[in-house]
Amino acid sequence: MNKAVKKTVINIVIILVTWLTIELICFLFLFFNGANQLTFPVFNREISPYYVYGNSPGYRHQCSNGKDENSDGLVINRHGFVSSSPVSMKKDSGVLRIVLFSGSAGFGNGQLEPYKYVKEYSGDVYCFGASISGQLQRILSEKYPNRKVEVINGCAPQRMIHQAINYYLETLSYFEPDVVISLDGMNDLTTINGVSPYLKAQLAFESYIQFHLLTEKLKETHYSQMVKLFYFFRLMKLKEGIKKDSHRFFSHYFDYNFDSINRKDYLAVKNTLIKNSLT
C-alpha cells in the first residue's frame, strides 16, 4: 500500500471515528434529557381557525391532586376538553351536563413560577377531580345521587371570553349542555385597558407556526442524532422565548413586574379580598 492510499484510509477512519463519537455524545445527551422519549403532541395547545388556539387533543399533562402527589396524568380528549369519563355528543336521558369556561384557573393550572416566592403550592396541572370542574361534579353528584352529572372542563390557559364563545359555538354546543358557566374575565383585562384581544396571539403566531414545524420534524425518523439534537435545541430555545415574551407582555401592558412580588403585599391583598367578600 503506497503512502497516498494509506494516508487516505487513515483520514477516512479518523473521520468515521470522530463522526461516530459525536453521534454517540448527541445520543447520550438526548437520552438523558428525555428527548428520545418525547410523546406527541409535544405542545399543550395548537392553532385554531376559530378561536386562535385550543388544547392539543391527546396531550398529556403531568398532574397532581393538589397535594403534590402525581397521578397518571390528565389527557386532552379529541374535542379539546377534559372530563372524568368519555362524553358522547348525544346526551343520555336524565343526564345533567354542565360546561365550564375559564382560563388557567378553571382549567386547573397550578402555580406559576414567579408566585412560588410568595406562597408555594402545587405547580402541576390539577387532575380532573381536584379541579373546579371535578369538585363541582362531585358536589352535585352527592347532592343528587339519583341523577348522573357530567361536567365538561372546556377551559384553557390564557383563554379569553371571545375565544370561549367561539369554542362553544364551534364544538361544545353540539354536546347539548344544560348549563354553561363562565369564569372568564381575568385574561380580558388587557381588552378593558384598550388592547386588542388578539394582540398576544398575534405576537405569538409565528412561534406557533415554528412549534408546529419543529414537531413535524421531531416526528420524522432521523438517522443522525446531530440533526435531532439540532431540532431539540431549537425547540427548547423557542419554548424559553415564549415564556420570556409572556412575562414581557404582562410587564408592559399591566405595569406588572413578577420580580417585585412579595409575601407581605400578597397577604395584604388576600386579607382585604376575604374581608370584603364576607361583608
C-alpha atoms as a PDB file:
ATOM      1  CA  MET A   1       0.000   0.000   0.000  1.00  0.00           C
ATOM      2  CA  ASN A   2       1.532   3.303  -1.078  1.00  0.00           C
ATOM      3  CA  LYS A   3       1.705   6.305   1.213  1.00  0.00           C
ATOM      4  CA  ALA A   4      -1.106   8.221  -0.532  1.00  0.00           C
ATOM      5  CA  VAL A   5      -3.610   5.347  -0.171  1.00  0.00           C
ATOM      6  CA  LYS A   6      -2.543   4.681   3.410  1.00  0.00           C
ATOM      7  CA  LYS A   7      -2.967   8.361   4.303  1.00  0.00           C
ATOM      8  CA  THR A   8      -6.439   8.393   2.701  1.00  0.00           C
ATOM      9  CA  VAL A   9      -7.523   5.305   4.634  1.00  0.00           C
ATOM     10  CA  ILE A  10      -6.267   6.776   7.918  1.00  0.00           C
ATOM     11  CA  ASN A  11      -8.121  10.055   7.249  1.00  0.00           C
ATOM     12  CA  ILE A  12     -11.329   8.173   6.467  1.00  0.00           C
ATOM     13  CA  VAL A  13     -11.004   6.131   9.675  1.00  0.00           C
ATOM     14  CA  ILE A  14     -10.370   9.286  11.722  1.00  0.00           C
ATOM     15  CA  ILE A  15     -13.398  10.996  10.181  1.00  0.00           C
ATOM     16  CA  LEU A  16     -15.616   7.945  10.828  1.00  0.00           C
ATOM     17  CA  VAL A  17     -14.447   7.573  14.433  1.00  0.00           C
ATOM     18  CA  THR A  18     -14.935  11.309  15.061  1.00  0.00           C
ATOM     19  CA  TRP A  19     -18.396  11.250  13.489  1.00  0.00           C
ATOM     20  CA  LEU A  20     -19.451   8.158  15.468  1.00  0.00           C
ATOM     21  CA  THR A  21     -18.138   9.714  18.681  1.00  0.00           C
ATOM     22  CA  ILE A  22     -20.125  12.901  18.072  1.00  0.00           C
ATOM     23  CA  GLU A  23     -23.217  10.851  17.246  1.00  0.00           C
ATOM     24  CA  LEU A  24     -22.808   8.883  20.487  1.00  0.00           C
ATOM     25  CA  ILE A  25     -22.423  12.067  22.530  1.00  0.00           C
ATOM     26  CA  CYS A  26     -25.549  13.545  20.888  1.00  0.00           C
ATOM     27  CA  PHE A  27     -27.488  10.324  21.527  1.00  0.00           C
ATOM     28  CA  LEU A  28     -26.497  10.272  25.197  1.00  0.00           C
ATOM     29  CA  PHE A  29     -27.392  13.950  25.621  1.00  0.00           C
ATOM     30  CA  LEU A  30     -30.823  13.413  24.033  1.00  0.00           C
ATOM     31  CA  PHE A  31     -31.392  10.259  26.061  1.00  0.00           C
ATOM     32  CA  PHE A  32     -30.599  11.780  29.452  1.00  0.00           C
ATOM     33  CA  ASN A  33     -32.665  14.896  28.622  1.00  0.00           C
ATOM     34  CA  GLY A  34     -35.698  12.837  27.693  1.00  0.00           C
ATOM     35  CA  ALA A  35     -35.715  13.893  24.035  1.00  0.00           C
ATOM     36  CA  ASN A  36     -35.784  10.293  22.834  1.00  0.00           C
ATOM     37  CA  GLN A  37     -38.903   9.664  24.908  1.00  0.00           C
ATOM     38  CA  LEU A  38     -40.881  12.623  23.538  1.00  0.00           C
ATOM     39  CA  THR A  39     -44.581  11.951  23.160  1.00  0.00           C
ATOM     40  CA  PHE A  40     -46.784  13.738  20.649  1.00  0.00           C
ATOM     41  CA  PRO A  41     -48.270  16.233  20.619  1.00  0.00           C
ATOM     42  CA  VAL A  42     -45.289  17.994  22.211  1.00  0.00           C
ATOM     43  CA  PHE A  43     -47.175  21.229  22.961  1.00  0.00           C
ATOM     44  CA  ASN A  44     -50.261  21.699  25.082  1.00  0.00           C
ATOM     45  CA  ARG A  45     -52.100  23.847  22.564  1.00  0.00           C
ATOM     46  CA  GLU A  46     -52.445  24.257  18.837  1.00  0.00           C
ATOM     47  CA  ILE A  47     -53.584  26.891  16.357  1.00  0.00           C
ATOM     48  CA  SER A  48     -57.310  27.024  15.700  1.00  0.00           C
ATOM     49  CA  PRO A  49     -59.002  28.954  12.864  1.00  0.00           C
ATOM     50  CA  TYR A  50     -61.991  29.673  15.112  1.00  0.00           C
ATOM     51  CA  TYR A  51     -60.588  30.650  18.498  1.00  0.00           C
ATOM     52  CA  VAL A  52     -56.879  31.385  17.856  1.00  0.00           C
ATOM     53  CA  TYR A  53     -55.664  28.339  19.750  1.00  0.00           C
ATOM     54  CA  GLY A  54     -57.084  25.325  21.519  1.00  0.00           C
ATOM     55  CA  ASN A  55     -55.921  22.490  23.732  1.00  0.00           C
ATOM     56  CA  SER A  56     -53.979  19.888  21.743  1.00  0.00           C
ATOM     57  CA  PRO A  57     -56.000  16.639  21.510  1.00  0.00           C
ATOM     58  CA  GLY A  58     -54.043  13.775  23.020  1.00  0.00           C
ATOM     59  CA  TYR A  59     -51.713  15.999  25.043  1.00  0.00           C
ATOM     60  CA  ARG A  60     -50.895  14.508  28.443  1.00  0.00           C
ATOM     61  CA  HIS A  61     -50.344  16.929  31.335  1.00  0.00           C
ATOM     62  CA  GLN A  62     -48.369  15.917  34.367  1.00  0.00           C
ATOM     63  CA  CYS A  63     -50.891  16.497  37.111  1.00  0.00           C
ATOM     64  CA  SER A  64     -51.414  16.343  40.839  1.00  0.00           C
ATOM     65  CA  ASN A  65     -54.341  16.112  43.231  1.00  0.00           C
ATOM     66  CA  GLY A  66     -53.371  19.437  44.755  1.00  0.00           C
ATOM     67  CA  LYS A  67     -51.042  17.849  47.310  1.00  0.00           C
ATOM     68  CA  ASP A  68     -48.037  17.287  45.043  1.00  0.00           C
ATOM     69  CA  GLU A  69     -48.930  13.615  44.568  1.00  0.00           C
ATOM     70  CA  ASN A  70     -48.554  12.853  40.876  1.00  0.00           C
ATOM     71  CA  SER A  71     -51.087  10.660  39.119  1.00  0.00           C
ATOM     72  CA  ASP A  72     -51.036   9.052  35.683  1.00  0.00           C
ATOM     73  CA  GLY A  73     -51.701  12.407  34.069  1.00  0.00           C
ATOM     74  CA  LEU A  74     -54.525  14.420  32.587  1.00  0.00           C
ATOM     75  CA  VAL A  75     -55.195  13.837  28.888  1.00  0.00           C
ATOM     76  CA  ILE A  76     -56.987  16.222  26.494  1.00  0.00           C
ATOM     77  CA  ASN A  77     -59.637  14.347  24.513  1.00  0.00           C
ATOM     78  CA  ARG A  78     -60.091  14.590  20.740  1.00  0.00           C
ATOM     79  CA  HIS A  79     -62.510  17.504  21.112  1.00  0.00           C
ATOM     80  CA  GLY A  80     -60.049  19.599  23.107  1.00  0.00           C
ATOM     81  CA  PHE A  81     -61.610  19.377  26.555  1.00  0.00           C
ATOM     82  CA  VAL A  82     -61.311  17.323  29.752  1.00  0.00           C
ATOM     83  CA  SER A  83     -63.901  15.212  31.548  1.00  0.00           C
ATOM     84  CA  SER A  84     -63.911  12.469  34.165  1.00  0.00           C
ATOM     85  CA  SER A  85     -65.025   9.884  31.598  1.00  0.00           C
ATOM     86  CA  PRO A  86     -65.690   9.794  27.833  1.00  0.00           C
ATOM     87  CA  VAL A  87     -68.567  12.082  26.823  1.00  0.00           C
ATOM     88  CA  SER A  88     -70.658  11.455  23.702  1.00  0.00           C
ATOM     89  CA  MET A  89     -72.271  14.294  21.773  1.00  0.00           C
ATOM     90  CA  LYS A  90     -75.695  12.719  22.166  1.00  0.00           C
ATOM     91  CA  LYS A  91     -76.663  13.193  25.793  1.00  0.00           C
ATOM     92  CA  ASP A  92     -78.344  10.289  27.572  1.00  0.00           C
ATOM     93  CA  SER A  93     -81.769  10.818  29.075  1.00  0.00           C
ATOM     94  CA  GLY A  94     -81.700  12.192  32.597  1.00  0.00           C
ATOM     95  CA  VAL A  95     -78.102  13.404  32.424  1.00  0.00           C
ATOM     96  CA  LEU A  96     -77.303  16.870  33.767  1.00  0.00           C
ATOM     97  CA  ARG A  97     -74.476  18.171  31.597  1.00  0.00           C
ATOM     98  CA  ILE A  98     -72.554  21.310  32.548  1.00  0.00           C
ATOM     99  CA  VAL A  99     -69.827  23.099  30.594  1.00  0.00           C
ATOM    100  CA  LEU A 100     -67.296  25.281  32.396  1.00  0.00           C
ATOM    101  CA  PHE A 101     -65.352  28.009  30.564  1.00  0.00           C
ATOM    102  CA  SER A 102     -62.377  29.817  32.047  1.00  0.00           C
ATOM    103  CA  GLY A 103     -58.675  30.424  31.693  1.00  0.00           C
ATOM    104  CA  SER A 104     -55.905  28.666  33.582  1.00  0.00           C
ATOM    105  CA  ALA A 105     -57.703  28.770  36.948  1.00  0.00           C
ATOM    106  CA  GLY A 106     -60.705  26.850  35.646  1.00  0.00           C
ATOM    107  CA  PHE A 107     -58.547  24.503  33.621  1.00  0.00           C
ATOM    108  CA  GLY A 108     -56.702  23.510  36.770  1.00  0.00           C
ATOM    109  CA  ASN A 109     -53.289  25.044  36.264  1.00  0.00           C
ATOM    110  CA  GLY A 110     -51.190  25.103  39.382  1.00  0.00           C
ATOM    111  CA  GLN A 111     -48.763  27.737  40.439  1.00  0.00           C
ATOM    112  CA  LEU A 112     -46.953  29.997  38.015  1.00  0.00           C
ATOM    113  CA  GLU A 113     -43.211  30.058  38.645  1.00  0.00           C
ATOM    114  CA  PRO A 114     -42.861  33.667  39.925  1.00  0.00           C
ATOM    115  CA  TYR A 115     -45.506  33.231  42.618  1.00  0.00           C
ATOM    116  CA  LYS A 116     -43.694  30.455  44.458  1.00  0.00           C
ATOM    117  CA  TYR A 117     -41.678  33.154  46.217  1.00  0.00           C
ATOM    118  CA  VAL A 118     -44.902  34.491  47.694  1.00  0.00           C
ATOM    119  CA  LYS A 119     -46.812  31.348  48.601  1.00  0.00           C
ATOM    120  CA  GLU A 120     -45.726  27.917  47.417  1.00  0.00           C
ATOM    121  CA  TYR A 121     -48.253  25.293  46.356  1.00  0.00           C
ATOM    122  CA  SER A 122     -48.572  22.660  43.660  1.00  0.00           C
ATOM    123  CA  GLY A 123     -47.169  23.758  40.305  1.00  0.00           C
ATOM    124  CA  ASP A 124     -48.577  20.938  38.194  1.00  0.00           C
ATOM    125  CA  VAL A 125     -51.932  20.920  36.454  1.00  0.00           C
ATOM    126  CA  TYR A 126     -54.580  19.622  38.841  1.00  0.00           C
ATOM    127  CA  CYS A 127     -56.202  16.319  37.929  1.00  0.00           C
ATOM    128  CA  PHE A 128     -59.857  16.498  36.986  1.00  0.00           C
ATOM    129  CA  GLY A 129     -61.068  15.507  40.452  1.00  0.00           C
ATOM    130  CA  ALA A 130     -59.049  18.275  42.124  1.00  0.00           C
ATOM    131  CA  SER A 131     -60.038  20.964  39.590  1.00  0.00           C
ATOM    132  CA  ILE A 132     -63.065  23.256  39.841  1.00  0.00           C
ATOM    133  CA  SER A 133     -64.901  21.089  37.311  1.00  0.00           C
ATOM    134  CA  GLY A 134     -64.193  17.926  39.260  1.00  0.00           C
ATOM    135  CA  GLN A 135     -65.215  19.476  42.571  1.00  0.00           C
ATOM    136  CA  LEU A 136     -68.461  20.779  41.042  1.00  0.00           C
ATOM    137  CA  GLN A 137     -69.249  17.349  39.597  1.00  0.00           C
ATOM    138  CA  ARG A 138     -68.562  15.687  42.960  1.00  0.00           C
ATOM    139  CA  ILE A 139     -70.718  18.143  44.934  1.00  0.00           C
ATOM    140  CA  LEU A 140     -73.684  17.882  42.549  1.00  0.00           C
ATOM    141  CA  SER A 141     -73.402  14.093  42.332  1.00  0.00           C
ATOM    142  CA  GLU A 142     -73.536  13.867  46.132  1.00  0.00           C
ATOM    143  CA  LYS A 143     -76.483  16.267  46.285  1.00  0.00           C
ATOM    144  CA  TYR A 144     -78.417  14.477  43.525  1.00  0.00           C
ATOM    145  CA  PRO A 145     -77.398  10.813  43.823  1.00  0.00           C
ATOM    146  CA  ASN A 146     -80.203   9.612  41.548  1.00  0.00           C
ATOM    147  CA  ARG A 147     -79.071  11.728  38.612  1.00  0.00           C
ATOM    148  CA  LYS A 148     -75.916  11.413  36.551  1.00  0.00           C
ATOM    149  CA  VAL A 149     -73.923  14.651  36.458  1.00  0.00           C
ATOM    150  CA  GLU A 150     -71.327  15.365  33.779  1.00  0.00           C
ATOM    151  CA  VAL A 151     -69.117  18.452  33.998  1.00  0.00           C
ATOM    152  CA  ILE A 152     -67.039  19.285  30.935  1.00  0.00           C
ATOM    153  CA  ASN A 153     -63.857  21.257  31.562  1.00  0.00           C
ATOM    154  CA  GLY A 154     -63.835  23.449  28.458  1.00  0.00           C
ATOM    155  CA  CYS A 155     -61.169  25.793  29.814  1.00  0.00           C
ATOM    156  CA  ALA A 156     -57.685  26.565  28.526  1.00  0.00           C
ATOM    157  CA  PRO A 157     -54.716  28.559  29.865  1.00  0.00           C
ATOM    158  CA  GLN A 158     -54.832  32.259  28.893  1.00  0.00           C
ATOM    159  CA  ARG A 159     -58.205  31.827  27.160  1.00  0.00           C
ATOM    160  CA  MET A 160     -60.360  34.934  26.776  1.00  0.00           C
ATOM    161  CA  ILE A 161     -64.129  35.438  26.560  1.00  0.00           C
ATOM    162  CA  HIS A 162     -64.306  35.728  22.768  1.00  0.00           C
ATOM    163  CA  GLN A 163     -62.324  32.502  22.423  1.00  0.00           C
ATOM    164  CA  ALA A 164     -64.639  30.665  24.821  1.00  0.00           C
ATOM    165  CA  ILE A 165     -67.716  31.823  22.880  1.00  0.00           C
ATOM    166  CA  ASN A 166     -66.257  30.673  19.573  1.00  0.00           C
ATOM    167  CA  TYR A 167     -65.201  27.347  21.090  1.00  0.00           C
ATOM    168  CA  TYR A 168     -68.741  26.845  22.396  1.00  0.00           C
ATOM    169  CA  LEU A 169     -70.304  27.619  19.020  1.00  0.00           C
ATOM    170  CA  GLU A 170     -67.787  25.534  17.076  1.00  0.00           C
ATOM    171  CA  THR A 171     -67.646  22.468  19.333  1.00  0.00           C
ATOM    172  CA  LEU A 172     -69.310  22.307  22.726  1.00  0.00           C
ATOM    173  CA  SER A 173     -72.783  23.476  21.688  1.00  0.00           C
ATOM    174  CA  TYR A 174     -73.159  20.114  19.905  1.00  0.00           C
ATOM    175  CA  PHE A 175     -72.795  18.312  23.254  1.00  0.00           C
ATOM    176  CA  GLU A 176     -76.203  19.624  24.375  1.00  0.00           C
ATOM    177  CA  PRO A 177     -75.178  21.218  27.705  1.00  0.00           C
ATOM    178  CA  ASP A 178     -77.928  22.082  30.179  1.00  0.00           C
ATOM    179  CA  VAL A 179     -75.834  24.737  31.921  1.00  0.00           C
ATOM    180  CA  VAL A 180     -72.893  26.839  30.722  1.00  0.00           C
ATOM    181  CA  ILE A 181     -70.749  28.517  33.364  1.00  0.00           C
ATOM    182  CA  SER A 182     -68.243  31.242  32.502  1.00  0.00           C
ATOM    183  CA  LEU A 183     -65.428  32.093  34.887  1.00  0.00           C
ATOM    184  CA  ASP A 184     -63.760  34.218  32.222  1.00  0.00           C
ATOM    185  CA  GLY A 185     -62.592  37.763  32.782  1.00  0.00           C
ATOM    186  CA  MET A 186     -59.103  37.814  34.233  1.00  0.00           C
ATOM    187  CA  ASN A 187     -57.437  37.316  30.854  1.00  0.00           C
ATOM    188  CA  ASP A 188     -59.612  40.060  29.355  1.00  0.00           C
ATOM    189  CA  LEU A 189     -58.122  42.845  31.473  1.00  0.00           C
ATOM    190  CA  THR A 190     -55.904  43.953  28.602  1.00  0.00           C
ATOM    191  CA  THR A 191     -59.009  44.393  26.427  1.00  0.00           C
ATOM    192  CA  ILE A 192     -60.596  46.548  29.129  1.00  0.00           C
ATOM    193  CA  ASN A 193     -57.388  48.615  29.050  1.00  0.00           C
ATOM    194  CA  GLY A 194     -57.843  49.174  25.310  1.00  0.00           C
ATOM    195  CA  VAL A 195     -55.515  46.470  23.998  1.00  0.00           C
ATOM    196  CA  SER A 196     -56.737  44.265  21.145  1.00  0.00           C
ATOM    197  CA  PRO A 197     -57.866  40.849  22.449  1.00  0.00           C
ATOM    198  CA  TYR A 198     -55.957  39.285  19.553  1.00  0.00           C
ATOM    199  CA  LEU A 199     -52.663  41.088  20.181  1.00  0.00           C
ATOM    200  CA  LYS A 200     -50.998  38.447  22.333  1.00  0.00           C
ATOM    201  CA  ALA A 201     -51.967  35.669  19.916  1.00  0.00           C
ATOM    202  CA  GLN A 202     -50.792  37.836  17.021  1.00  0.00           C
ATOM    203  CA  LEU A 203     -47.386  38.304  18.639  1.00  0.00           C
ATOM    204  CA  ALA A 204     -47.068  34.586  19.311  1.00  0.00           C
ATOM    205  CA  PHE A 205     -48.474  33.397  15.971  1.00  0.00           C
ATOM    206  CA  GLU A 206     -45.083  32.961  14.331  1.00  0.00           C
ATOM    207  CA  SER A 207     -43.892  30.907  17.290  1.00  0.00           C
ATOM    208  CA  TYR A 208     -46.912  28.613  16.953  1.00  0.00           C
ATOM    209  CA  ILE A 209     -46.024  28.017  13.320  1.00  0.00           C
ATOM    210  CA  GLN A 210     -42.460  27.188  14.354  1.00  0.00           C
ATOM    211  CA  PHE A 211     -43.789  24.885  17.087  1.00  0.00           C
ATOM    212  CA  HIS A 212     -45.814  23.002  14.507  1.00  0.00           C
ATOM    213  CA  LEU A 213     -42.930  22.683  12.044  1.00  0.00           C
ATOM    214  CA  LEU A 214     -40.495  21.547  14.746  1.00  0.00           C
ATOM    215  CA  THR A 215     -42.987  18.975  15.985  1.00  0.00           C
ATOM    216  CA  GLU A 216     -43.305  17.540  12.491  1.00  0.00           C
ATOM    217  CA  LYS A 217     -39.520  17.414  12.185  1.00  0.00           C
ATOM    218  CA  LEU A 218     -39.182  15.588  15.512  1.00  0.00           C
ATOM    219  CA  LYS A 219     -41.774  13.036  14.391  1.00  0.00           C
ATOM    220  CA  GLU A 220     -39.555  12.072  11.485  1.00  0.00           C
ATOM    221  CA  THR A 221     -37.012   9.271  11.783  1.00  0.00           C
ATOM    222  CA  HIS A 222     -33.563  10.837  11.980  1.00  0.00           C
ATOM    223  CA  TYR A 223     -30.626   8.533  11.414  1.00  0.00           C
ATOM    224  CA  SER A 224     -28.310  11.319  12.560  1.00  0.00           C
ATOM    225  CA  GLN A 225     -28.519  12.194  16.241  1.00  0.00           C
ATOM    226  CA  MET A 226     -26.820  15.503  15.456  1.00  0.00           C
ATOM    227  CA  VAL A 227     -29.798  16.524  13.320  1.00  0.00           C
ATOM    228  CA  LYS A 228     -32.245  15.514  16.041  1.00  0.00           C
ATOM    229  CA  LEU A 229     -30.226  17.394  18.639  1.00  0.00           C
ATOM    230  CA  PHE A 230     -30.334  20.497  16.428  1.00  0.00           C
ATOM    231  CA  TYR A 231     -34.143  20.401  16.321  1.00  0.00           C
ATOM    232  CA  PHE A 232     -34.304  19.666  20.048  1.00  0.00           C
ATOM    233  CA  PHE A 233     -32.180  22.736  20.870  1.00  0.00           C
ATOM    234  CA  ARG A 234     -34.373  24.887  18.621  1.00  0.00           C
ATOM    235  CA  LEU A 235     -37.410  23.536  20.425  1.00  0.00           C
ATOM    236  CA  MET A 236     -36.055  24.385  23.884  1.00  0.00           C
ATOM    237  CA  LYS A 237     -34.933  27.834  22.779  1.00  0.00           C
ATOM    238  CA  LEU A 238     -38.331  28.586  21.284  1.00  0.00           C
ATOM    239  CA  LYS A 239     -40.113  27.376  24.421  1.00  0.00           C
ATOM    240  CA  GLU A 240     -37.956  29.590  26.645  1.00  0.00           C
ATOM    241  CA  GLY A 241     -38.500  32.541  24.313  1.00  0.00           C
ATOM    242  CA  ILE A 242     -42.274  32.192  24.544  1.00  0.00           C
ATOM    243  CA  LYS A 243     -42.055  32.186  28.329  1.00  0.00           C
ATOM    244  CA  LYS A 244     -39.998  35.387  28.355  1.00  0.00           C
ATOM    245  CA  ASP A 245     -42.319  37.062  25.838  1.00  0.00           C
ATOM    246  CA  SER A 246     -45.285  36.271  28.079  1.00  0.00           C
ATOM    247  CA  HIS A 247     -43.590  37.937  31.052  1.00  0.00           C
ATOM    248  CA  ARG A 248     -42.698  40.985  28.942  1.00  0.00           C
ATOM    249  CA  PHE A 249     -46.296  41.223  27.726  1.00  0.00           C
ATOM    250  CA  PHE A 250     -47.679  41.400  31.268  1.00  0.00           C
ATOM    251  CA  SER A 251     -44.956  43.797  32.385  1.00  0.00           C
ATOM    252  CA  HIS A 252     -45.668  46.192  29.502  1.00  0.00           C
ATOM    253  CA  TYR A 253     -49.480  46.221  29.449  1.00  0.00           C
ATOM    254  CA  PHE A 254     -50.147  45.864  33.174  1.00  0.00           C
ATOM    255  CA  ASP A 255     -47.075  47.660  34.528  1.00  0.00           C
ATOM    256  CA  TYR A 256     -46.576  44.401  36.392  1.00  0.00           C
ATOM    257  CA  ASN A 257     -43.202  43.069  37.441  1.00  0.00           C
ATOM    258  CA  PHE A 258     -43.052  39.432  38.540  1.00  0.00           C
ATOM    259  CA  ASP A 259     -39.845  40.076  40.451  1.00  0.00           C
ATOM    260  CA  SER A 260     -41.478  42.741  42.593  1.00  0.00           C
ATOM    261  CA  ILE A 261     -43.993  40.357  44.170  1.00  0.00           C
ATOM    262  CA  ASN A 262     -43.513  39.931  47.902  1.00  0.00           C
ATOM    263  CA  ARG A 263     -45.327  37.932  50.527  1.00  0.00           C
ATOM    264  CA  LYS A 264     -46.360  40.961  52.605  1.00  0.00           C
ATOM    265  CA  ASP A 265     -48.215  42.618  49.708  1.00  0.00           C
ATOM    266  CA  TYR A 266     -49.773  39.295  48.725  1.00  0.00           C
ATOM    267  CA  LEU A 267     -51.166  38.685  52.208  1.00  0.00           C
ATOM    268  CA  ALA A 268     -52.460  42.269  52.449  1.00  0.00           C
ATOM    269  CA  VAL A 269     -54.421  41.942  49.197  1.00  0.00           C
ATOM    270  CA  LYS A 270     -55.605  38.452  50.105  1.00  0.00           C
ATOM    271  CA  ASN A 271     -56.912  39.513  53.524  1.00  0.00           C
ATOM    272  CA  THR A 272     -58.678  42.543  52.037  1.00  0.00           C
ATOM    273  CA  LEU A 273     -60.420  40.404  49.403  1.00  0.00           C
ATOM    274  CA  ILE A 274     -61.521  37.858  52.011  1.00  0.00           C
ATOM    275  CA  LYS A 275     -62.786  40.576  54.339  1.00  0.00           C
ATOM    276  CA  ASN A 276     -64.753  42.324  51.587  1.00  0.00           C
ATOM    277  CA  SER A 277     -66.244  39.067  50.346  1.00  0.00           C
ATOM    278  CA  LEU A 278     -67.707  38.372  53.789  1.00  0.00           C
ATOM    279  CA  THR A 279     -69.301  41.791  54.243  1.00  0.00           C
END
